[in-house]
Amino acid sequence: MDSIRLRDIIVYGYYGASDPERQIGQRLLLDLDLALDLGEAAASDELADTVSYEEIYVAAQRLAGGRRCRLLEHLAQQLIDGLFQRFPRLVGVGVSLRKMNLPFPNTCREVEVRLYRERSA
């Protein structure tokens, strides 16, 4: 399957299981893997035959930015649902969310949650 990928989108919101995380807020890094047929666009050279990655970026910022949620898994699913709703050409959406500032003593650079869903028929 063909794909479009957006990498290292910075989103800011109030994400975390602990109250302080949801009060202070933090940055996450977001990656999107978008599965769709790019054959028509490859042949036509027309934006109308694909999805605009600018529009995808703006939609992702609106869906994730400023949100409050406890789990990255929940945020990832909300992103997937919103992108499927907004962009009918998408047949699969992968979301990766990376949190760099963990609320406990650690030696991790980051923690990552990844979800992939295919559009229901």
PDB file of N, CA and C in Angstrom:
ATOM      1  N   MET A   1       0.860  -1.184   0.000  1.00  0.00           N
ATOM      2  CA  MET A   1       0.000   0.000   0.000  1.00  0.00           C
ATOM      3  C   MET A   1       0.896   1.234   0.000  1.00  0.00           C
ATOM      4  N   ASP A   2       0.482   2.232  -0.736  1.00  0.00           N
ATOM      5  CA  ASP A   2       1.184   3.515  -0.772  1.00  0.00           C
ATOM      6  C   ASP A   2       0.964   4.234   0.554  1.00  0.00           C
ATOM      7  N   SER A   3       1.822   5.203   0.836  1.00  0.00           N
ATOM      8  CA  SER A   3       1.651   5.931   2.095  1.00  0.00           C
ATOM      9  C   SER A   3       2.250   7.324   2.017  1.00  0.00           C
ATOM     10  N   ILE A   4       1.748   8.164   2.881  1.00  0.00           N
ATOM     11  CA  ILE A   4       2.302   9.490   3.156  1.00  0.00           C
ATOM     12  C   ILE A   4       2.644   9.493   4.635  1.00  0.00           C
ATOM     13  N   ARG A   5       3.823  10.002   4.958  1.00  0.00           N
ATOM     14  CA  ARG A   5       4.253  10.045   6.359  1.00  0.00           C
ATOM     15  C   ARG A   5       4.569  11.474   6.767  1.00  0.00           C
ATOM     16  N   LEU A   6       4.120  11.841   7.935  1.00  0.00           N
ATOM     17  CA  LEU A   6       4.486  13.111   8.555  1.00  0.00           C
ATOM     18  C   LEU A   6       5.228  12.762   9.834  1.00  0.00           C
ATOM     19  N   ARG A   7       6.387  13.358  10.035  1.00  0.00           N
ATOM     20  CA  ARG A   7       7.259  12.988  11.148  1.00  0.00           C
ATOM     21  C   ARG A   7       7.530  14.164  12.086  1.00  0.00           C
ATOM     22  N   ASP A   8       7.609  13.841  13.367  1.00  0.00           N
ATOM     23  CA  ASP A   8       8.038  14.795  14.398  1.00  0.00           C
ATOM     24  C   ASP A   8       7.192  16.065  14.451  1.00  0.00           C
ATOM     25  N   ILE A   9       5.883  15.894  14.348  1.00  0.00           N
ATOM     26  CA  ILE A   9       4.969  17.011  14.562  1.00  0.00           C
ATOM     27  C   ILE A   9       4.950  17.284  16.062  1.00  0.00           C
ATOM     28  N   ILE A  10       5.184  18.507  16.451  1.00  0.00           N
ATOM     29  CA  ILE A  10       5.154  18.863  17.872  1.00  0.00           C
ATOM     30  C   ILE A  10       3.735  19.291  18.233  1.00  0.00           C
ATOM     31  N   VAL A  11       3.153  18.620  19.220  1.00  0.00           N
ATOM     32  CA  VAL A  11       1.842  19.010  19.738  1.00  0.00           C
ATOM     33  C   VAL A  11       1.987  19.286  21.232  1.00  0.00           C
ATOM     34  N   TYR A  12       1.221  20.237  21.711  1.00  0.00           N
ATOM     35  CA  TYR A  12       1.259  20.594  23.124  1.00  0.00           C
ATOM     36  C   TYR A  12      -0.139  20.431  23.691  1.00  0.00           C
ATOM     37  N   GLY A  13      -0.207  19.761  24.830  1.00  0.00           N
ATOM     38  CA  GLY A  13      -1.486  19.585  25.490  1.00  0.00           C
ATOM     39  C   GLY A  13      -1.280  19.113  26.908  1.00  0.00           C
ATOM     40  N   TYR A  14      -2.337  18.630  27.499  1.00  0.00           N
ATOM     41  CA  TYR A  14      -2.358  18.277  28.917  1.00  0.00           C
ATOM     42  C   TYR A  14      -2.581  16.773  29.028  1.00  0.00           C
ATOM     43  N   TYR A  15      -1.512  16.037  28.773  1.00  0.00           N
ATOM     44  CA  TYR A  15      -1.557  14.589  28.645  1.00  0.00           C
ATOM     45  C   TYR A  15      -0.858  13.944  29.829  1.00  0.00           C
ATOM     46  N   GLY A  16      -1.468  12.919  30.403  1.00  0.00           N
ATOM     47  CA  GLY A  16      -0.781  12.161  31.436  1.00  0.00           C
ATOM     48  C   GLY A  16      -1.726  11.559  32.444  1.00  0.00           C
ATOM     49  N   ALA A  17      -1.263  10.494  33.086  1.00  0.00           N
ATOM     50  CA  ALA A  17      -2.058   9.815  34.100  1.00  0.00           C
ATOM     51  C   ALA A  17      -2.073  10.586  35.413  1.00  0.00           C
ATOM     52  N   SER A  18      -1.048  11.396  35.652  1.00  0.00           N
ATOM     53  CA  SER A  18      -0.980  12.126  36.925  1.00  0.00           C
ATOM     54  C   SER A  18      -1.594  13.521  36.782  1.00  0.00           C
ATOM     55  N   ASP A  19      -2.146  14.014  37.885  1.00  0.00           N
ATOM     56  CA  ASP A  19      -2.737  15.353  37.887  1.00  0.00           C
ATOM     57  C   ASP A  19      -1.737  16.434  37.482  1.00  0.00           C
ATOM     58  N   PRO A  20      -0.503  16.436  38.017  1.00  0.00           N
ATOM     59  CA  PRO A  20       0.446  17.485  37.613  1.00  0.00           C
ATOM     60  C   PRO A  20       0.709  17.514  36.107  1.00  0.00           C
ATOM     61  N   GLU A  21       0.796  16.360  35.478  1.00  0.00           N
ATOM     62  CA  GLU A  21       1.010  16.328  34.025  1.00  0.00           C
ATOM     63  C   GLU A  21      -0.135  17.012  33.287  1.00  0.00           C
ATOM     64  N   ARG A  22      -1.354  16.774  33.748  1.00  0.00           N
ATOM     65  CA  ARG A  22      -2.515  17.361  33.077  1.00  0.00           C
ATOM     66  C   ARG A  22      -2.705  18.826  33.437  1.00  0.00           C
ATOM     67  N   GLN A  23      -2.093  19.294  34.513  1.00  0.00           N
ATOM     68  CA  GLN A  23      -2.185  20.709  34.876  1.00  0.00           C
ATOM     69  C   GLN A  23      -1.124  21.547  34.176  1.00  0.00           C
ATOM     70  N   ILE A  24       0.095  21.037  34.136  1.00  0.00           N
ATOM     71  CA  ILE A  24       1.213  21.793  33.571  1.00  0.00           C
ATOM     72  C   ILE A  24       1.212  21.726  32.048  1.00  0.00           C
ATOM     73  N   GLY A  25       0.933  20.568  31.512  1.00  0.00           N
ATOM     74  CA  GLY A  25       0.996  20.368  30.070  1.00  0.00           C
ATOM     75  C   GLY A  25       2.394  19.983  29.626  1.00  0.00           C
ATOM     76  N   GLN A  26       2.487  19.502  28.396  1.00  0.00           N
ATOM     77  CA  GLN A  26       3.777  19.078  27.864  1.00  0.00           C
ATOM     78  C   GLN A  26       3.708  18.892  26.358  1.00  0.00           C
ATOM     79  N   ARG A  27       4.900  18.814  25.772  1.00  0.00           N
ATOM     80  CA  ARG A  27       5.029  18.555  24.346  1.00  0.00           C
ATOM     81  C   ARG A  27       5.098  17.050  24.097  1.00  0.00           C
ATOM     82  N   LEU A  28       4.504  16.658  22.990  1.00  0.00           N
ATOM     83  CA  LEU A  28       4.646  15.302  22.474  1.00  0.00           C
ATOM     84  C   LEU A  28       5.134  15.404  21.039  1.00  0.00           C
ATOM     85  N   LEU A  29       5.798  14.359  20.581  1.00  0.00           N
ATOM     86  CA  LEU A  29       6.133  14.245  19.165  1.00  0.00           C
ATOM     87  C   LEU A  29       5.171  13.249  18.535  1.00  0.00           C
ATOM     88  N   LEU A  30       4.602  13.644  17.421  1.00  0.00           N
ATOM     89  CA  LEU A  30       3.589  12.864  16.725  1.00  0.00           C
ATOM     90  C   LEU A  30       4.100  12.484  15.339  1.00  0.00           C
ATOM     91  N   ASP A  31       3.984  11.207  15.005  1.00  0.00           N
ATOM     92  CA  ASP A  31       4.248  10.723  13.650  1.00  0.00           C
ATOM     93  C   ASP A  31       2.948  10.153  13.104  1.00  0.00           C
ATOM     94  N   LEU A  32       2.694  10.408  11.829  1.00  0.00           N
ATOM     95  CA  LEU A  32       1.519   9.865  11.162  1.00  0.00           C
ATOM     96  C   LEU A  32       1.952   9.050   9.958  1.00  0.00           C
ATOM     97  N   ASP A  33       1.386   7.861   9.822  1.00  0.00           N
ATOM     98  CA  ASP A  33       1.571   7.010   8.649  1.00  0.00           C
ATOM     99  C   ASP A  33       0.196   6.831   8.021  1.00  0.00           C
ATOM    100  N   LEU A  34       0.023   7.377   6.842  1.00  0.00           N
ATOM    101  CA  LEU A  34      -1.277   7.408   6.194  1.00  0.00           C
ATOM    102  C   LEU A  34      -1.266   6.488   4.979  1.00  0.00           C
ATOM    103  N   ALA A  35      -2.082   5.450   5.012  1.00  0.00           N
ATOM    104  CA  ALA A  35      -2.163   4.495   3.908  1.00  0.00           C
ATOM    105  C   ALA A  35      -3.302   4.898   2.976  1.00  0.00           C
ATOM    106  N   LEU A  36      -2.975   5.001   1.698  1.00  0.00           N
ATOM    107  CA  LEU A  36      -3.959   5.338   0.683  1.00  0.00           C
ATOM    108  C   LEU A  36      -3.379   5.006  -0.682  1.00  0.00           C
ATOM    109  N   ASP A  37      -4.235   4.929  -1.677  1.00  0.00           N
ATOM    110  CA  ASP A  37      -3.792   4.660  -3.043  1.00  0.00           C
ATOM    111  C   ASP A  37      -3.324   5.974  -3.660  1.00  0.00           C
ATOM    112  N   LEU A  38      -2.042   6.039  -3.994  1.00  0.00           N
ATOM    113  CA  LEU A  38      -1.469   7.246  -4.586  1.00  0.00           C
ATOM    114  C   LEU A  38      -1.291   7.121  -6.098  1.00  0.00           C
ATOM    115  N   GLY A  39      -1.800   6.044  -6.684  1.00  0.00           N
ATOM    116  CA  GLY A  39      -1.633   5.817  -8.116  1.00  0.00           C
ATOM    117  C   GLY A  39      -2.222   6.913  -8.984  1.00  0.00           C
ATOM    118  N   GLU A  40      -3.430   7.351  -8.653  1.00  0.00           N
ATOM    119  CA  GLU A  40      -4.092   8.389  -9.444  1.00  0.00           C
ATOM    120  C   GLU A  40      -3.311   9.699  -9.387  1.00  0.00           C
ATOM    121  N   ALA A  41      -2.884  10.094  -8.202  1.00  0.00           N
ATOM    122  CA  ALA A  41      -2.111  11.336  -8.054  1.00  0.00           C
ATOM    123  C   ALA A  41      -0.755  11.225  -8.741  1.00  0.00           C
ATOM    124  N   ALA A  42      -0.140  10.047  -8.671  1.00  0.00           N
ATOM    125  CA  ALA A  42       1.159   9.852  -9.320  1.00  0.00           C
ATOM    126  C   ALA A  42       1.037  10.020 -10.833  1.00  0.00           C
ATOM    127  N   ALA A  43      -0.091   9.595 -11.387  1.00  0.00           N
ATOM    128  CA  ALA A  43      -0.300   9.712 -12.830  1.00  0.00           C
ATOM    129  C   ALA A  43      -0.748  11.110 -13.249  1.00  0.00           C
ATOM    130  N   SER A  44      -1.588  11.748 -12.434  1.00  0.00           N
ATOM    131  CA  SER A  44      -2.210  13.016 -12.844  1.00  0.00           C
ATOM    132  C   SER A  44      -1.428  14.259 -12.448  1.00  0.00           C
ATOM    133  N   ASP A  45      -0.617  14.171 -11.385  1.00  0.00           N
ATOM    134  CA  ASP A  45       0.087  15.338 -10.837  1.00  0.00           C
ATOM    135  C   ASP A  45      -0.890  16.388 -10.311  1.00  0.00           C
ATOM    136  N   GLU A  46      -2.042  15.935  -9.818  1.00  0.00           N
ATOM    137  CA  GLU A  46      -3.080  16.829  -9.306  1.00  0.00           C
ATOM    138  C   GLU A  46      -3.309  16.585  -7.818  1.00  0.00           C
ATOM    139  N   LEU A  47      -3.287  17.663  -7.040  1.00  0.00           N
ATOM    140  CA  LEU A  47      -3.523  17.573  -5.599  1.00  0.00           C
ATOM    141  C   LEU A  47      -4.912  17.003  -5.295  1.00  0.00           C
ATOM    142  N   ALA A  48      -5.867  17.276  -6.157  1.00  0.00           N
ATOM    143  CA  ALA A  48      -7.233  16.787  -5.943  1.00  0.00           C
ATOM    144  C   ALA A  48      -7.308  15.259  -5.935  1.00  0.00           C
ATOM    145  N   ASP A  49      -6.267  14.593  -6.439  1.00  0.00           N
ATOM    146  CA  ASP A  49      -6.272  13.133  -6.516  1.00  0.00           C
ATOM    147  C   ASP A  49      -5.557  12.461  -5.346  1.00  0.00           C
ATOM    148  N   THR A  50      -5.270  13.225  -4.304  1.00  0.00           N
ATOM    149  CA  THR A  50      -4.598  12.684  -3.123  1.00  0.00           C
ATOM    150  C   THR A  50      -5.134  13.412  -1.895  1.00  0.00           C
ATOM    151  N   VAL A  51      -4.416  13.361  -0.790  1.00  0.00           N
ATOM    152  CA  VAL A  51      -4.734  14.184   0.379  1.00  0.00           C
ATOM    153  C   VAL A  51      -3.620  15.213   0.537  1.00  0.00           C
ATOM    154  N   SER A  52      -3.992  16.386   0.975  1.00  0.00           N
ATOM    155  CA  SER A  52      -3.017  17.449   1.209  1.00  0.00           C
ATOM    156  C   SER A  52      -2.351  17.217   2.559  1.00  0.00           C
ATOM    157  N   TYR A  53      -1.018  17.094   2.563  1.00  0.00           N
ATOM    158  CA  TYR A  53      -0.378  16.885   3.863  1.00  0.00           C
ATOM    159  C   TYR A  53      -0.404  18.143   4.701  1.00  0.00           C
ATOM    160  N   GLU A  54      -0.626  19.302   4.088  1.00  0.00           N
ATOM    161  CA  GLU A  54      -0.848  20.515   4.886  1.00  0.00           C
ATOM    162  C   GLU A  54      -2.167  20.394   5.649  1.00  0.00           C
ATOM    163  N   GLU A  55      -3.203  19.927   4.971  1.00  0.00           N
ATOM    164  CA  GLU A  55      -4.496  19.751   5.633  1.00  0.00           C
ATOM    165  C   GLU A  55      -4.426  18.667   6.705  1.00  0.00           C
ATOM    166  N   ILE A  56      -3.663  17.612   6.448  1.00  0.00           N
ATOM    167  CA  ILE A  56      -3.469  16.564   7.457  1.00  0.00           C
ATOM    168  C   ILE A  56      -2.793  17.162   8.687  1.00  0.00           C
ATOM    169  N   TYR A  57      -1.738  17.943   8.475  1.00  0.00           N
ATOM    170  CA  TYR A  57      -1.002  18.575   9.576  1.00  0.00           C
ATOM    171  C   TYR A  57      -1.935  19.458  10.412  1.00  0.00           C
ATOM    172  N   VAL A  58      -2.685  20.316   9.746  1.00  0.00           N
ATOM    173  CA  VAL A  58      -3.602  21.219  10.450  1.00  0.00           C
ATOM    174  C   VAL A  58      -4.641  20.415  11.235  1.00  0.00           C
ATOM    175  N   ALA A  59      -5.192  19.378  10.621  1.00  0.00           N
ATOM    176  CA  ALA A  59      -6.184  18.544  11.312  1.00  0.00           C
ATOM    177  C   ALA A  59      -5.576  17.867  12.532  1.00  0.00           C
ATOM    178  N   ALA A  60      -4.357  17.360  12.405  1.00  0.00           N
ATOM    179  CA  ALA A  60      -3.699  16.695  13.536  1.00  0.00           C
ATOM    180  C   ALA A  60      -3.461  17.676  14.679  1.00  0.00           C
ATOM    181  N   GLN A  61      -3.045  18.890  14.358  1.00  0.00           N
ATOM    182  CA  GLN A  61      -2.839  19.899  15.401  1.00  0.00           C
ATOM    183  C   GLN A  61      -4.152  20.218  16.117  1.00  0.00           C
ATOM    184  N   ARG A  62      -5.213  20.330  15.357  1.00  0.00           N
ATOM    185  CA  ARG A  62      -6.522  20.628  15.966  1.00  0.00           C
ATOM    186  C   ARG A  62      -7.022  19.471  16.828  1.00  0.00           C
ATOM    187  N   LEU A  63      -6.768  18.252  16.365  1.00  0.00           N
ATOM    188  CA  LEU A  63      -7.239  17.079  17.105  1.00  0.00           C
ATOM    189  C   LEU A  63      -6.436  16.819  18.374  1.00  0.00           C
ATOM    190  N   ALA A  64      -5.139  17.117  18.356  1.00  0.00           N
ATOM    191  CA  ALA A  64      -4.269  16.767  19.489  1.00  0.00           C
ATOM    192  C   ALA A  64      -3.882  17.963  20.342  1.00  0.00           C
ATOM    193  N   GLY A  65      -3.722  19.113  19.734  1.00  0.00           N
ATOM    194  CA  GLY A  65      -3.233  20.277  20.467  1.00  0.00           C
ATOM    195  C   GLY A  65      -4.224  20.780  21.499  1.00  0.00           C
ATOM    196  N   GLY A  66      -3.720  21.030  22.700  1.00  0.00           N
ATOM    197  CA  GLY A  66      -4.542  21.586  23.762  1.00  0.00           C
ATOM    198  C   GLY A  66      -5.472  20.602  24.447  1.00  0.00           C
ATOM    199  N   ARG A  67      -5.493  19.375  24.009  1.00  0.00           N
ATOM    200  CA  ARG A  67      -6.401  18.379  24.602  1.00  0.00           C
ATOM    201  C   ARG A  67      -5.963  17.974  26.001  1.00  0.00           C
ATOM    202  N   ARG A  68      -6.915  17.474  26.741  1.00  0.00           N
ATOM    203  CA  ARG A  68      -6.647  16.877  28.050  1.00  0.00           C
ATOM    204  C   ARG A  68      -7.056  15.412  27.978  1.00  0.00           C
ATOM    205  N   CYS A  69      -6.107  14.548  28.276  1.00  0.00           N
ATOM    206  CA  CYS A  69      -6.435  13.123  28.369  1.00  0.00           C
ATOM    207  C   CYS A  69      -5.382  12.427  29.219  1.00  0.00           C
ATOM    208  N   ARG A  70      -5.769  11.319  29.786  1.00  0.00           N
ATOM    209  CA  ARG A  70      -4.873  10.569  30.663  1.00  0.00           C
ATOM    210  C   ARG A  70      -3.904   9.686  29.883  1.00  0.00           C
ATOM    211  N   LEU A  71      -4.380   9.051  28.832  1.00  0.00           N
ATOM    212  CA  LEU A  71      -3.580   8.034  28.155  1.00  0.00           C
ATOM    213  C   LEU A  71      -3.236   8.426  26.724  1.00  0.00           C
ATOM    214  N   LEU A  72      -1.995   8.170  26.341  1.00  0.00           N
ATOM    215  CA  LEU A  72      -1.583   8.388  24.960  1.00  0.00           C
ATOM    216  C   LEU A  72      -2.363   7.475  24.018  1.00  0.00           C
ATOM    217  N   GLU A  73      -2.726   6.298  24.497  1.00  0.00           N
ATOM    218  CA  GLU A  73      -3.510   5.371  23.690  1.00  0.00           C
ATOM    219  C   GLU A  73      -4.843   6.004  23.280  1.00  0.00           C
ATOM    220  N   HIS A  74      -5.467   6.702  24.211  1.00  0.00           N
ATOM    221  CA  HIS A  74      -6.740   7.369  23.931  1.00  0.00           C
ATOM    222  C   HIS A  74      -6.539   8.497  22.922  1.00  0.00           C
ATOM    223  N   LEU A  75      -5.511   9.294  23.114  1.00  0.00           N
ATOM    224  CA  LEU A  75      -5.232  10.391  22.187  1.00  0.00           C
ATOM    225  C   LEU A  75      -4.960   9.855  20.785  1.00  0.00           C
ATOM    226  N   ALA A  76      -4.192   8.779  20.683  1.00  0.00           N
ATOM    227  CA  ALA A  76      -3.895   8.185  19.375  1.00  0.00           C
ATOM    228  C   ALA A  76      -5.177   7.730  18.682  1.00  0.00           C
ATOM    229  N   GLN A  77      -6.079   7.099  19.423  1.00  0.00           N
ATOM    230  CA  GLN A  77      -7.337   6.643  18.818  1.00  0.00           C
ATOM    231  C   GLN A  77      -8.191   7.826  18.376  1.00  0.00           C
ATOM    232  N   GLN A  78      -8.213   8.901  19.160  1.00  0.00           N
ATOM    233  CA  GLN A  78      -8.961  10.097  18.777  1.00  0.00           C
ATOM    234  C   GLN A  78      -8.412  10.702  17.486  1.00  0.00           C
ATOM    235  N   LEU A  79      -7.098  10.711  17.347  1.00  0.00           N
ATOM    236  CA  LEU A  79      -6.477  11.194  16.109  1.00  0.00           C
ATOM    237  C   LEU A  79      -6.892  10.331  14.919  1.00  0.00           C
ATOM    238  N   ILE A  80      -6.813   9.031  15.083  1.00  0.00           N
ATOM    239  CA  ILE A  80      -7.188   8.119  13.997  1.00  0.00           C
ATOM    240  C   ILE A  80      -8.641   8.336  13.588  1.00  0.00           C
ATOM    241  N   ASP A  81      -9.538   8.366  14.558  1.00  0.00           N
ATOM    242  CA  ASP A  81     -10.959   8.553  14.257  1.00  0.00           C
ATOM    243  C   ASP A  81     -11.200   9.875  13.535  1.00  0.00           C
ATOM    244  N   GLY A  82     -10.562  10.939  14.016  1.00  0.00           N
ATOM    245  CA  GLY A  82     -10.736  12.251  13.400  1.00  0.00           C
ATOM    246  C   GLY A  82     -10.195  12.321  11.983  1.00  0.00           C
ATOM    247  N   LEU A  83      -9.051  11.688  11.739  1.00  0.00           N
ATOM    248  CA  LEU A  83      -8.477  11.698  10.392  1.00  0.00           C
ATOM    249  C   LEU A  83      -9.316  10.867   9.423  1.00  0.00           C
ATOM    250  N   PHE A  84      -9.823   9.726   9.867  1.00  0.00           N
ATOM    251  CA  PHE A  84     -10.712   8.936   9.011  1.00  0.00           C
ATOM    252  C   PHE A  84     -11.970   9.734   8.654  1.00  0.00           C
ATOM    253  N   GLN A  85     -12.503  10.444   9.623  1.00  0.00           N
ATOM    254  CA  GLN A  85     -13.723  11.210   9.388  1.00  0.00           C
ATOM    255  C   GLN A  85     -13.477  12.340   8.386  1.00  0.00           C
ATOM    256  N   ARG A  86     -12.350  13.002   8.500  1.00  0.00           N
ATOM    257  CA  ARG A  86     -12.052  14.186   7.677  1.00  0.00           C
ATOM    258  C   ARG A  86     -11.535  13.834   6.280  1.00  0.00           C
ATOM    259  N   PHE A  87     -10.859  12.692   6.129  1.00  0.00           N
ATOM    260  CA  PHE A  87     -10.185  12.362   4.869  1.00  0.00           C
ATOM    261  C   PHE A  87     -10.635  10.986   4.359  1.00  0.00           C
ATOM    262  N   PRO A  88     -11.670  10.953   3.523  1.00  0.00           N
ATOM    263  CA  PRO A  88     -12.228   9.675   3.069  1.00  0.00           C
ATOM    264  C   PRO A  88     -11.278   8.835   2.216  1.00  0.00           C
ATOM    265  N   ARG A  89     -10.244   9.416   1.647  1.00  0.00           N
ATOM    266  CA  ARG A  89      -9.290   8.639   0.840  1.00  0.00           C
ATOM    267  C   ARG A  89      -8.408   7.723   1.690  1.00  0.00           C
ATOM    268  N   LEU A  90      -8.287   8.009   2.971  1.00  0.00           N
ATOM    269  CA  LEU A  90      -7.409   7.209   3.829  1.00  0.00           C
ATOM    270  C   LEU A  90      -8.006   5.824   4.048  1.00  0.00           C
ATOM    271  N   VAL A  91      -7.183   4.793   3.859  1.00  0.00           N
ATOM    272  CA  VAL A  91      -7.640   3.429   4.136  1.00  0.00           C
ATOM    273  C   VAL A  91      -6.987   2.872   5.398  1.00  0.00           C
ATOM    274  N   GLY A  92      -5.913   3.502   5.838  1.00  0.00           N
ATOM    275  CA  GLY A  92      -5.243   3.111   7.077  1.00  0.00           C
ATOM    276  C   GLY A  92      -4.552   4.310   7.688  1.00  0.00           C
ATOM    277  N   VAL A  93      -4.526   4.354   9.002  1.00  0.00           N
ATOM    278  CA  VAL A  93      -3.848   5.444   9.715  1.00  0.00           C
ATOM    279  C   VAL A  93      -3.034   4.847  10.854  1.00  0.00           C
ATOM    280  N   GLY A  94      -1.758   5.187  10.877  1.00  0.00           N
ATOM    281  CA  GLY A  94      -0.877   4.834  11.979  1.00  0.00           C
ATOM    282  C   GLY A  94      -0.489   6.090  12.732  1.00  0.00           C
ATOM    283  N   VAL A  95      -0.551   6.020  14.036  1.00  0.00           N
ATOM    284  CA  VAL A  95      -0.193   7.149  14.894  1.00  0.00           C
ATOM    285  C   VAL A  95       0.865   6.688  15.875  1.00  0.00           C
ATOM    286  N   SER A  96       1.904   7.473  15.993  1.00  0.00           N
ATOM    287  CA  SER A  96       2.943   7.253  16.998  1.00  0.00           C
ATOM    288  C   SER A  96       3.044   8.521  17.829  1.00  0.00           C
ATOM    289  N   LEU A  97       2.913   8.385  19.137  1.00  0.00           N
ATOM    290  CA  LEU A  97       3.052   9.508  20.065  1.00  0.00           C
ATOM    291  C   LEU A  97       4.221   9.230  20.987  1.00  0.00           C
ATOM    292  N   ARG A  98       5.140  10.199  21.082  1.00  0.00           N
ATOM    293  CA  ARG A  98       6.320  10.039  21.923  1.00  0.00           C
ATOM    294  C   ARG A  98       6.334  11.119  22.999  1.00  0.00           C
ATOM    295  N   LYS A  99       6.450  10.652  24.237  1.00  0.00           N
ATOM    296  CA  LYS A  99       6.527  11.538  25.400  1.00  0.00           C
ATOM    297  C   LYS A  99       7.970  11.537  25.882  1.00  0.00           C
ATOM    298  N   MET A 100       8.561  12.733  25.971  1.00  0.00           N
ATOM    299  CA  MET A 100       9.966  12.845  26.363  1.00  0.00           C
ATOM    300  C   MET A 100      10.153  13.099  27.857  1.00  0.00           C
ATOM    301  N   ASN A 101       9.180  13.740  28.482  1.00  0.00           N
ATOM    302  CA  ASN A 101       9.305  14.101  29.899  1.00  0.00           C
ATOM    303  C   ASN A 101       8.435  13.178  30.738  1.00  0.00           C
ATOM    304  N   LEU A 102       9.047  12.136  31.248  1.00  0.00           N
ATOM    305  CA  LEU A 102       8.303  11.163  32.041  1.00  0.00           C
ATOM    306  C   LEU A 102       8.226  11.627  33.491  1.00  0.00           C
ATOM    307  N   PRO A 103       7.093  11.365  34.154  1.00  0.00           N
ATOM    308  CA  PRO A 103       6.864  11.913  35.493  1.00  0.00           C
ATOM    309  C   PRO A 103       7.444  11.066  36.620  1.00  0.00           C
ATOM    310  N   PHE A 104       8.508  10.343  36.347  1.00  0.00           N
ATOM    311  CA  PHE A 104       9.136   9.505  37.371  1.00  0.00           C
ATOM    312  C   PHE A 104      10.621   9.421  37.054  1.00  0.00           C
ATOM    313  N   PRO A 105      11.450   9.124  38.048  1.00  0.00           N
ATOM    314  CA  PRO A 105      12.890   8.991  37.792  1.00  0.00           C
ATOM    315  C   PRO A 105      13.138   7.886  36.760  1.00  0.00           C
ATOM    316  N   ASN A 106      13.942   8.198  35.751  1.00  0.00           N
ATOM    317  CA  ASN A 106      14.153   7.228  34.683  1.00  0.00           C
ATOM    318  C   ASN A 106      15.405   7.565  33.889  1.00  0.00           C
ATOM    319  N   THR A 107      15.804   6.651  33.049  1.00  0.00           N
ATOM    320  CA  THR A 107      16.908   6.886  32.118  1.00  0.00           C
ATOM    321  C   THR A 107      16.436   6.731  30.675  1.00  0.00           C
ATOM    322  N   CYS A 108      15.131   6.814  30.460  1.00  0.00           N
ATOM    323  CA  CYS A 108      14.560   6.715  29.113  1.00  0.00           C
ATOM    324  C   CYS A 108      14.674   8.052  28.391  1.00  0.00           C
ATOM    325  N   ARG A 109      14.943   7.979  27.109  1.00  0.00           N
ATOM    326  CA  ARG A 109      14.884   9.190  26.294  1.00  0.00           C
ATOM    327  C   ARG A 109      13.426   9.561  26.039  1.00  0.00           C
ATOM    328  N   GLU A 110      12.590   8.538  25.856  1.00  0.00           N
ATOM    329  CA  GLU A 110      11.177   8.778  25.570  1.00  0.00           C
ATOM    330  C   GLU A 110      10.403   7.473  25.710  1.00  0.00           C
ATOM    331  N   VAL A 111       9.096   7.604  25.798  1.00  0.00           N
ATOM    332  CA  VAL A 111       8.202   6.453  25.722  1.00  0.00           C
ATOM    333  C   VAL A 111       7.316   6.686  24.504  1.00  0.00           C
ATOM    334  N   GLU A 112       6.968   5.607  23.818  1.00  0.00           N
ATOM    335  CA  GLU A 112       6.209   5.734  22.575  1.00  0.00           C
ATOM    336  C   GLU A 112       5.017   4.789  22.588  1.00  0.00           C
ATOM    337  N   VAL A 113       3.874   5.308  22.122  1.00  0.00           N
ATOM    338  CA  VAL A 113       2.674   4.508  21.916  1.00  0.00           C
ATOM    339  C   VAL A 113       2.362   4.561  20.428  1.00  0.00           C
ATOM    340  N   ARG A 114       2.116   3.390  19.844  1.00  0.00           N
ATOM    341  CA  ARG A 114       1.818   3.311  18.417  1.00  0.00           C
ATOM    342  C   ARG A 114       0.518   2.549  18.207  1.00  0.00           C
ATOM    343  N   LEU A 115      -0.365   3.123  17.407  1.00  0.00           N
ATOM    344  CA  LEU A 115      -1.604   2.455  17.002  1.00  0.00           C
ATOM    345  C   LEU A 115      -1.708   2.497  15.487  1.00  0.00           C
ATOM    346  N   TYR A 116      -2.264   1.452  14.907  1.00  0.00           N
ATOM    347  CA  TYR A 116      -2.576   1.440  13.477  1.00  0.00           C
ATOM    348  C   TYR A 116      -3.969   0.862  13.318  1.00  0.00           C
ATOM    349  N   ARG A 117      -4.778   1.548  12.546  1.00  0.00           N
ATOM    350  CA  ARG A 117      -6.135   1.074  12.281  1.00  0.00           C
ATOM    351  C   ARG A 117      -6.418   1.184  10.790  1.00  0.00           C
ATOM    352  N   GLU A 118      -7.227   0.242  10.295  1.00  0.00           N
ATOM    353  CA  GLU A 118      -7.713   0.311   8.925  1.00  0.00           C
ATOM    354  C   GLU A 118      -9.175   0.719   8.956  1.00  0.00           C
ATOM    355  N   ARG A 119      -9.558   1.432   7.928  1.00  0.00           N
ATOM    356  CA  ARG A 119     -10.938   1.919   7.846  1.00  0.00           C
ATOM    357  C   ARG A 119     -11.902   0.736   7.798  1.00  0.00           C
ATOM    358  N   SER A 120     -12.967   0.818   8.565  1.00  0.00           N
ATOM    359  CA  SER A 120     -14.015  -0.211   8.541  1.00  0.00           C
ATOM    360  C   SER A 120     -14.818  -0.073   7.259  1.00  0.00           C
ATOM    361  N   ALA A 121     -15.281  -1.194   6.751  1.00  0.00           N
ATOM    362  CA  ALA A 121     -16.071  -1.168   5.501  1.00  0.00           C
ATOM    363  C   ALA A 121     -17.453  -0.617   5.740  1.00  0.00           C
TER     364      ALA A 121
END
